[in-house]
Amino acid sequence: MTESNVDMLRLEYPRTALEVYNDTETDQPTIDLPNPTAWVRLLVTQHQQAQWDLEQLHGMFGDAYDRADQRIVVIERNYHLLMQALEYVYKTAEANTTVSHEWMQTELMRTASTAQKFTTDVWTAITARDKDQGRKGGPPGHPNHTAKRCCPVSPSCGPETGGGTTNLEHQL
């Protein structure tokens, strides 16, 4: 996990999508960045959120996760773009060099756009999967997960307006 305080940011090498799915860690050391800029902090936060979202997506799909599914292909491609941006910052810090102005102008905007699209695509896939499971009576292991929504985390979950139950064990 990347730790942060006012004066320092502990940066871990970004994990690939397969490392996230397999819950494996990278063998690269962490790097301490003294006095990181706001955009570096934002980039790290975006990548951490993307990693968490990817874990939720994989957890929701489980064995039905199909890397050939076009939705998953797009999600993994966007995750890879986010990972590459953080990897560039990591390698630049490791070499004790400065991020180029050209990279900042082109890549930071692309990264911000990709992060938004990635999150939208992940939660759209989760919502579609959840709705499909709701029609089938819910995924195994979640007895309260029926056609009614079961948790307040995603738009497809949570107590229905005017009633319903919440399965606290399913909350993400």
C-alpha atoms as a PDB file:
ATOM      1  CA  MET A   1       0.000   0.000   0.000  1.00  0.00           C
ATOM      2  CA  THR A   2       1.219   3.502  -0.745  1.00  0.00           C
ATOM      3  CA  GLU A   3       1.533   5.585   2.383  1.00  0.00           C
ATOM      4  CA  SER A   4       1.547   9.349   2.424  1.00  0.00           C
ATOM      5  CA  ASN A   5       2.031  12.263   4.736  1.00  0.00           C
ATOM      6  CA  VAL A   6       2.689  15.934   4.128  1.00  0.00           C
ATOM      7  CA  ASP A   7       6.408  15.603   3.401  1.00  0.00           C
ATOM      8  CA  MET A   8       6.769  12.165   1.826  1.00  0.00           C
ATOM      9  CA  LEU A   9       4.997   9.652  -0.371  1.00  0.00           C
ATOM     10  CA  ARG A  10       5.924   5.969  -0.278  1.00  0.00           C
ATOM     11  CA  LEU A  11       5.408   4.768  -3.826  1.00  0.00           C
ATOM     12  CA  GLU A  12       5.013   1.102  -4.699  1.00  0.00           C
ATOM     13  CA  TYR A  13       5.625  -0.242  -8.160  1.00  0.00           C
ATOM     14  CA  PRO A  14       2.201  -0.669  -9.834  1.00  0.00           C
ATOM     15  CA  ARG A  15       0.777  -4.178 -10.118  1.00  0.00           C
ATOM     16  CA  THR A  16      -0.451  -5.558 -13.433  1.00  0.00           C
ATOM     17  CA  ALA A  17      -4.073  -6.657 -13.830  1.00  0.00           C
ATOM     18  CA  LEU A  18      -2.989 -10.300 -13.482  1.00  0.00           C
ATOM     19  CA  GLU A  19      -1.121  -9.510 -10.266  1.00  0.00           C
ATOM     20  CA  VAL A  20      -4.270  -7.838  -8.950  1.00  0.00           C
ATOM     21  CA  TYR A  21      -6.434 -10.865  -9.888  1.00  0.00           C
ATOM     22  CA  ASN A  22      -3.989 -13.324  -8.395  1.00  0.00           C
ATOM     23  CA  ASP A  23      -3.443 -11.109  -5.353  1.00  0.00           C
ATOM     24  CA  THR A  24       0.318 -11.202  -5.835  1.00  0.00           C
ATOM     25  CA  GLU A  25       2.734  -8.454  -4.989  1.00  0.00           C
ATOM     26  CA  THR A  26       5.422  -7.019  -7.192  1.00  0.00           C
ATOM     27  CA  ASP A  27       9.029  -7.730  -6.280  1.00  0.00           C
ATOM     28  CA  GLN A  28      10.073  -4.118  -6.871  1.00  0.00           C
ATOM     29  CA  PRO A  29      11.060  -2.058  -3.815  1.00  0.00           C
ATOM     30  CA  THR A  30       9.048   0.931  -2.651  1.00  0.00           C
ATOM     31  CA  ILE A  31      10.434   4.395  -3.285  1.00  0.00           C
ATOM     32  CA  ASP A  32      10.126   7.338  -0.911  1.00  0.00           C
ATOM     33  CA  LEU A  33       9.306  10.559  -2.747  1.00  0.00           C
ATOM     34  CA  PRO A  34      10.118  13.624  -0.662  1.00  0.00           C
ATOM     35  CA  ASN A  35       7.702  16.545  -1.093  1.00  0.00           C
ATOM     36  CA  PRO A  36       5.601  15.034  -3.899  1.00  0.00           C
ATOM     37  CA  THR A  37       3.552  17.380  -6.028  1.00  0.00           C
ATOM     38  CA  ALA A  38      -0.244  17.371  -5.973  1.00  0.00           C
ATOM     39  CA  TRP A  39      -0.437  15.704  -9.403  1.00  0.00           C
ATOM     40  CA  VAL A  40       1.754  12.815  -8.214  1.00  0.00           C
ATOM     41  CA  ARG A  41      -0.513  12.318  -5.210  1.00  0.00           C
ATOM     42  CA  LEU A  42      -3.557  12.401  -7.521  1.00  0.00           C
ATOM     43  CA  LEU A  43      -1.977   9.883  -9.898  1.00  0.00           C
ATOM     44  CA  VAL A  44      -1.216   7.515  -7.013  1.00  0.00           C
ATOM     45  CA  THR A  45      -4.762   7.891  -5.667  1.00  0.00           C
ATOM     46  CA  GLN A  46      -6.264   7.213  -9.112  1.00  0.00           C
ATOM     47  CA  HIS A  47      -4.182   4.057  -9.472  1.00  0.00           C
ATOM     48  CA  GLN A  48      -5.067   2.825  -5.973  1.00  0.00           C
ATOM     49  CA  GLN A  49      -8.762   3.355  -6.739  1.00  0.00           C
ATOM     50  CA  ALA A  50      -8.402   1.548 -10.074  1.00  0.00           C
ATOM     51  CA  GLN A  51      -6.686  -1.376  -8.363  1.00  0.00           C
ATOM     52  CA  TRP A  52      -9.495  -1.572  -5.790  1.00  0.00           C
ATOM     53  CA  ASP A  53     -12.160  -1.345  -8.504  1.00  0.00           C
ATOM     54  CA  LEU A  54     -10.453  -4.125 -10.458  1.00  0.00           C
ATOM     55  CA  GLU A  55     -10.409  -6.307  -7.328  1.00  0.00           C
ATOM     56  CA  GLN A  56     -14.161  -5.678  -6.865  1.00  0.00           C
ATOM     57  CA  LEU A  57     -14.858  -6.521 -10.502  1.00  0.00           C
ATOM     58  CA  HIS A  58     -12.907  -9.762 -10.322  1.00  0.00           C
ATOM     59  CA  GLY A  59     -14.539 -10.641  -7.010  1.00  0.00           C
ATOM     60  CA  MET A  60     -18.010 -10.020  -8.413  1.00  0.00           C
ATOM     61  CA  PHE A  61     -17.434 -12.124 -11.525  1.00  0.00           C
ATOM     62  CA  GLY A  62     -15.369 -14.856  -9.849  1.00  0.00           C
ATOM     63  CA  ASP A  63     -15.008 -17.887 -12.115  1.00  0.00           C
ATOM     64  CA  ALA A  64     -17.238 -16.240 -14.732  1.00  0.00           C
ATOM     65  CA  TYR A  65     -14.573 -13.555 -15.307  1.00  0.00           C
ATOM     66  CA  ASP A  66     -13.839 -13.778 -19.024  1.00  0.00           C
ATOM     67  CA  ARG A  67     -10.779 -11.889 -20.232  1.00  0.00           C
ATOM     68  CA  ALA A  68     -12.047 -12.323 -23.817  1.00  0.00           C
ATOM     69  CA  ASP A  69     -15.260 -10.391 -23.022  1.00  0.00           C
ATOM     70  CA  GLN A  70     -15.022  -7.041 -24.842  1.00  0.00           C
ATOM     71  CA  ARG A  71     -16.039  -5.103 -21.705  1.00  0.00           C
ATOM     72  CA  ILE A  72     -13.212  -6.728 -19.760  1.00  0.00           C
ATOM     73  CA  VAL A  73     -10.726  -6.122 -22.590  1.00  0.00           C
ATOM     74  CA  VAL A  74     -11.502  -2.379 -22.502  1.00  0.00           C
ATOM     75  CA  ILE A  75     -11.330  -2.267 -18.701  1.00  0.00           C
ATOM     76  CA  GLU A  76      -7.968  -4.059 -18.641  1.00  0.00           C
ATOM     77  CA  ARG A  77      -6.589  -1.824 -21.399  1.00  0.00           C
ATOM     78  CA  ASN A  78      -7.559   1.293 -19.439  1.00  0.00           C
ATOM     79  CA  TYR A  79      -6.105  -0.168 -16.242  1.00  0.00           C
ATOM     80  CA  HIS A  80      -2.872  -0.807 -18.133  1.00  0.00           C
ATOM     81  CA  LEU A  81      -2.733   2.854 -19.245  1.00  0.00           C
ATOM     82  CA  LEU A  82      -3.131   3.973 -15.624  1.00  0.00           C
ATOM     83  CA  MET A  83      -0.472   1.495 -14.551  1.00  0.00           C
ATOM     84  CA  GLN A  84       1.939   2.777 -17.219  1.00  0.00           C
ATOM     85  CA  ALA A  85       1.578   6.363 -15.991  1.00  0.00           C
ATOM     86  CA  LEU A  86       2.413   5.376 -12.430  1.00  0.00           C
ATOM     87  CA  GLU A  87       5.205   3.111 -13.671  1.00  0.00           C
ATOM     88  CA  TYR A  88       6.743   6.100 -15.484  1.00  0.00           C
ATOM     89  CA  VAL A  89       6.661   8.181 -12.307  1.00  0.00           C
ATOM     90  CA  TYR A  90       8.141   5.271 -10.338  1.00  0.00           C
ATOM     91  CA  LYS A  91      11.000   4.745 -12.799  1.00  0.00           C
ATOM     92  CA  THR A  92      11.660   8.471 -13.022  1.00  0.00           C
ATOM     93  CA  ALA A  93      11.881   8.698  -9.236  1.00  0.00           C
ATOM     94  CA  GLU A  94      14.024   5.559  -9.090  1.00  0.00           C
ATOM     95  CA  ALA A  95      16.479   7.111 -11.572  1.00  0.00           C
ATOM     96  CA  ASN A  96      16.350  10.361  -9.575  1.00  0.00           C
ATOM     97  CA  THR A  97      15.427  12.336 -12.703  1.00  0.00           C
ATOM     98  CA  THR A  98      12.667  14.813 -13.435  1.00  0.00           C
ATOM     99  CA  VAL A  99       9.400  14.077 -15.205  1.00  0.00           C
ATOM    100  CA  SER A 100       9.462  15.765 -18.592  1.00  0.00           C
ATOM    101  CA  HIS A 101       7.224  18.746 -19.219  1.00  0.00           C
ATOM    102  CA  GLU A 102       5.996  17.128 -22.450  1.00  0.00           C
ATOM    103  CA  TRP A 103       4.941  13.978 -20.543  1.00  0.00           C
ATOM    104  CA  MET A 104       3.062  16.064 -17.995  1.00  0.00           C
ATOM    105  CA  GLN A 105       1.187  17.969 -20.717  1.00  0.00           C
ATOM    106  CA  THR A 106       0.122  14.892 -22.662  1.00  0.00           C
ATOM    107  CA  GLU A 107      -0.046  12.003 -20.219  1.00  0.00           C
ATOM    108  CA  LEU A 108      -1.629  13.619 -17.191  1.00  0.00           C
ATOM    109  CA  MET A 109      -4.701  14.687 -19.157  1.00  0.00           C
ATOM    110  CA  ARG A 110      -4.960  11.261 -20.791  1.00  0.00           C
ATOM    111  CA  THR A 111      -4.549   9.590 -17.392  1.00  0.00           C
ATOM    112  CA  ALA A 112      -7.307  11.681 -15.817  1.00  0.00           C
ATOM    113  CA  SER A 113      -9.663  10.865 -18.686  1.00  0.00           C
ATOM    114  CA  THR A 114      -8.737   7.173 -18.579  1.00  0.00           C
ATOM    115  CA  ALA A 115      -9.295   7.010 -14.805  1.00  0.00           C
ATOM    116  CA  GLN A 116     -12.840   8.352 -15.191  1.00  0.00           C
ATOM    117  CA  LYS A 117     -13.653   5.995 -18.065  1.00  0.00           C
ATOM    118  CA  PHE A 118     -12.114   3.034 -16.228  1.00  0.00           C
ATOM    119  CA  THR A 119     -14.237   3.590 -13.115  1.00  0.00           C
ATOM    120  CA  THR A 120     -17.394   4.030 -15.170  1.00  0.00           C
ATOM    121  CA  ASP A 121     -16.713   0.873 -17.200  1.00  0.00           C
ATOM    122  CA  VAL A 122     -15.924  -1.229 -14.103  1.00  0.00           C
ATOM    123  CA  TRP A 123     -19.066  -0.220 -12.252  1.00  0.00           C
ATOM    124  CA  THR A 124     -21.191  -0.581 -15.394  1.00  0.00           C
ATOM    125  CA  ALA A 125     -19.915  -4.176 -15.721  1.00  0.00           C
ATOM    126  CA  ILE A 126     -20.533  -4.831 -12.015  1.00  0.00           C
ATOM    127  CA  THR A 127     -24.033  -3.372 -12.259  1.00  0.00           C
ATOM    128  CA  ALA A 128     -24.840  -5.454 -15.339  1.00  0.00           C
ATOM    129  CA  ARG A 129     -23.524  -8.597 -13.633  1.00  0.00           C
ATOM    130  CA  ASP A 130     -25.462  -7.784 -10.469  1.00  0.00           C
ATOM    131  CA  LYS A 131     -28.687  -7.256 -12.409  1.00  0.00           C
ATOM    132  CA  ASP A 132     -28.145 -10.527 -14.268  1.00  0.00           C
ATOM    133  CA  GLN A 133     -27.514 -12.356 -10.988  1.00  0.00           C
ATOM    134  CA  GLY A 134     -30.597 -10.701  -9.488  1.00  0.00           C
ATOM    135  CA  ARG A 135     -32.735 -12.193 -12.240  1.00  0.00           C
ATOM    136  CA  LYS A 136     -31.218 -15.585 -11.423  1.00  0.00           C
ATOM    137  CA  GLY A 137     -31.819 -15.242  -7.668  1.00  0.00           C
ATOM    138  CA  GLY A 138     -28.385 -13.893  -6.761  1.00  0.00           C
ATOM    139  CA  PRO A 139     -24.904 -15.328  -6.708  1.00  0.00           C
ATOM    140  CA  PRO A 140     -24.209 -18.343  -4.507  1.00  0.00           C
ATOM    141  CA  GLY A 141     -23.147 -17.445  -0.994  1.00  0.00           C
ATOM    142  CA  HIS A 142     -25.300 -14.336  -0.785  1.00  0.00           C
ATOM    143  CA  PRO A 143     -28.687 -15.594   0.442  1.00  0.00           C
ATOM    144  CA  ASN A 144     -30.134 -12.093   0.787  1.00  0.00           C
ATOM    145  CA  HIS A 145     -29.001 -11.098  -2.688  1.00  0.00           C
ATOM    146  CA  THR A 146     -32.215 -11.347  -4.654  1.00  0.00           C
ATOM    147  CA  ALA A 147     -33.768  -9.271  -7.391  1.00  0.00           C
ATOM    148  CA  LYS A 148     -33.924  -6.535  -4.760  1.00  0.00           C
ATOM    149  CA  ARG A 149     -30.701  -4.701  -4.211  1.00  0.00           C
ATOM    150  CA  CYS A 150     -28.632  -5.900  -1.267  1.00  0.00           C
ATOM    151  CA  CYS A 151     -26.144  -3.164  -0.395  1.00  0.00           C
ATOM    152  CA  PRO A 152     -25.788   0.596  -0.747  1.00  0.00           C
ATOM    153  CA  VAL A 153     -22.370   0.583  -2.417  1.00  0.00           C
ATOM    154  CA  SER A 154     -23.160   0.439  -6.107  1.00  0.00           C
ATOM    155  CA  PRO A 155     -26.200   1.804  -7.953  1.00  0.00           C
ATOM    156  CA  SER A 156     -27.466  -1.737  -8.459  1.00  0.00           C
ATOM    157  CA  CYS A 157     -27.343  -2.586  -4.760  1.00  0.00           C
ATOM    158  CA  GLY A 158     -28.879  -1.232  -1.555  1.00  0.00           C
ATOM    159  CA  PRO A 159     -32.308  -1.354  -0.036  1.00  0.00           C
ATOM    160  CA  GLU A 160     -35.056  -0.509  -2.449  1.00  0.00           C
ATOM    161  CA  THR A 161     -36.720   2.820  -1.876  1.00  0.00           C
ATOM    162  CA  GLY A 162     -39.455   2.250   0.609  1.00  0.00           C
ATOM    163  CA  GLY A 163     -38.025  -0.908   2.138  1.00  0.00           C
ATOM    164  CA  GLY A 164     -35.907  -3.945   1.545  1.00  0.00           C
ATOM    165  CA  THR A 165     -33.135  -5.598   3.454  1.00  0.00           C
ATOM    166  CA  THR A 166     -29.420  -5.048   3.476  1.00  0.00           C
ATOM    167  CA  ASN A 167     -26.945  -7.885   3.448  1.00  0.00           C
ATOM    168  CA  LEU A 168     -24.040  -6.388   5.404  1.00  0.00           C
ATOM    169  CA  GLU A 169     -21.726  -9.232   4.446  1.00  0.00           C
ATOM    170  CA  HIS A 170     -22.044  -8.300   0.763  1.00  0.00           C
ATOM    171  CA  GLN A 171     -21.153  -4.640   1.189  1.00  0.00           C
ATOM    172  CA  LEU A 172     -18.054  -3.844  -0.798  1.00  0.00           C
END
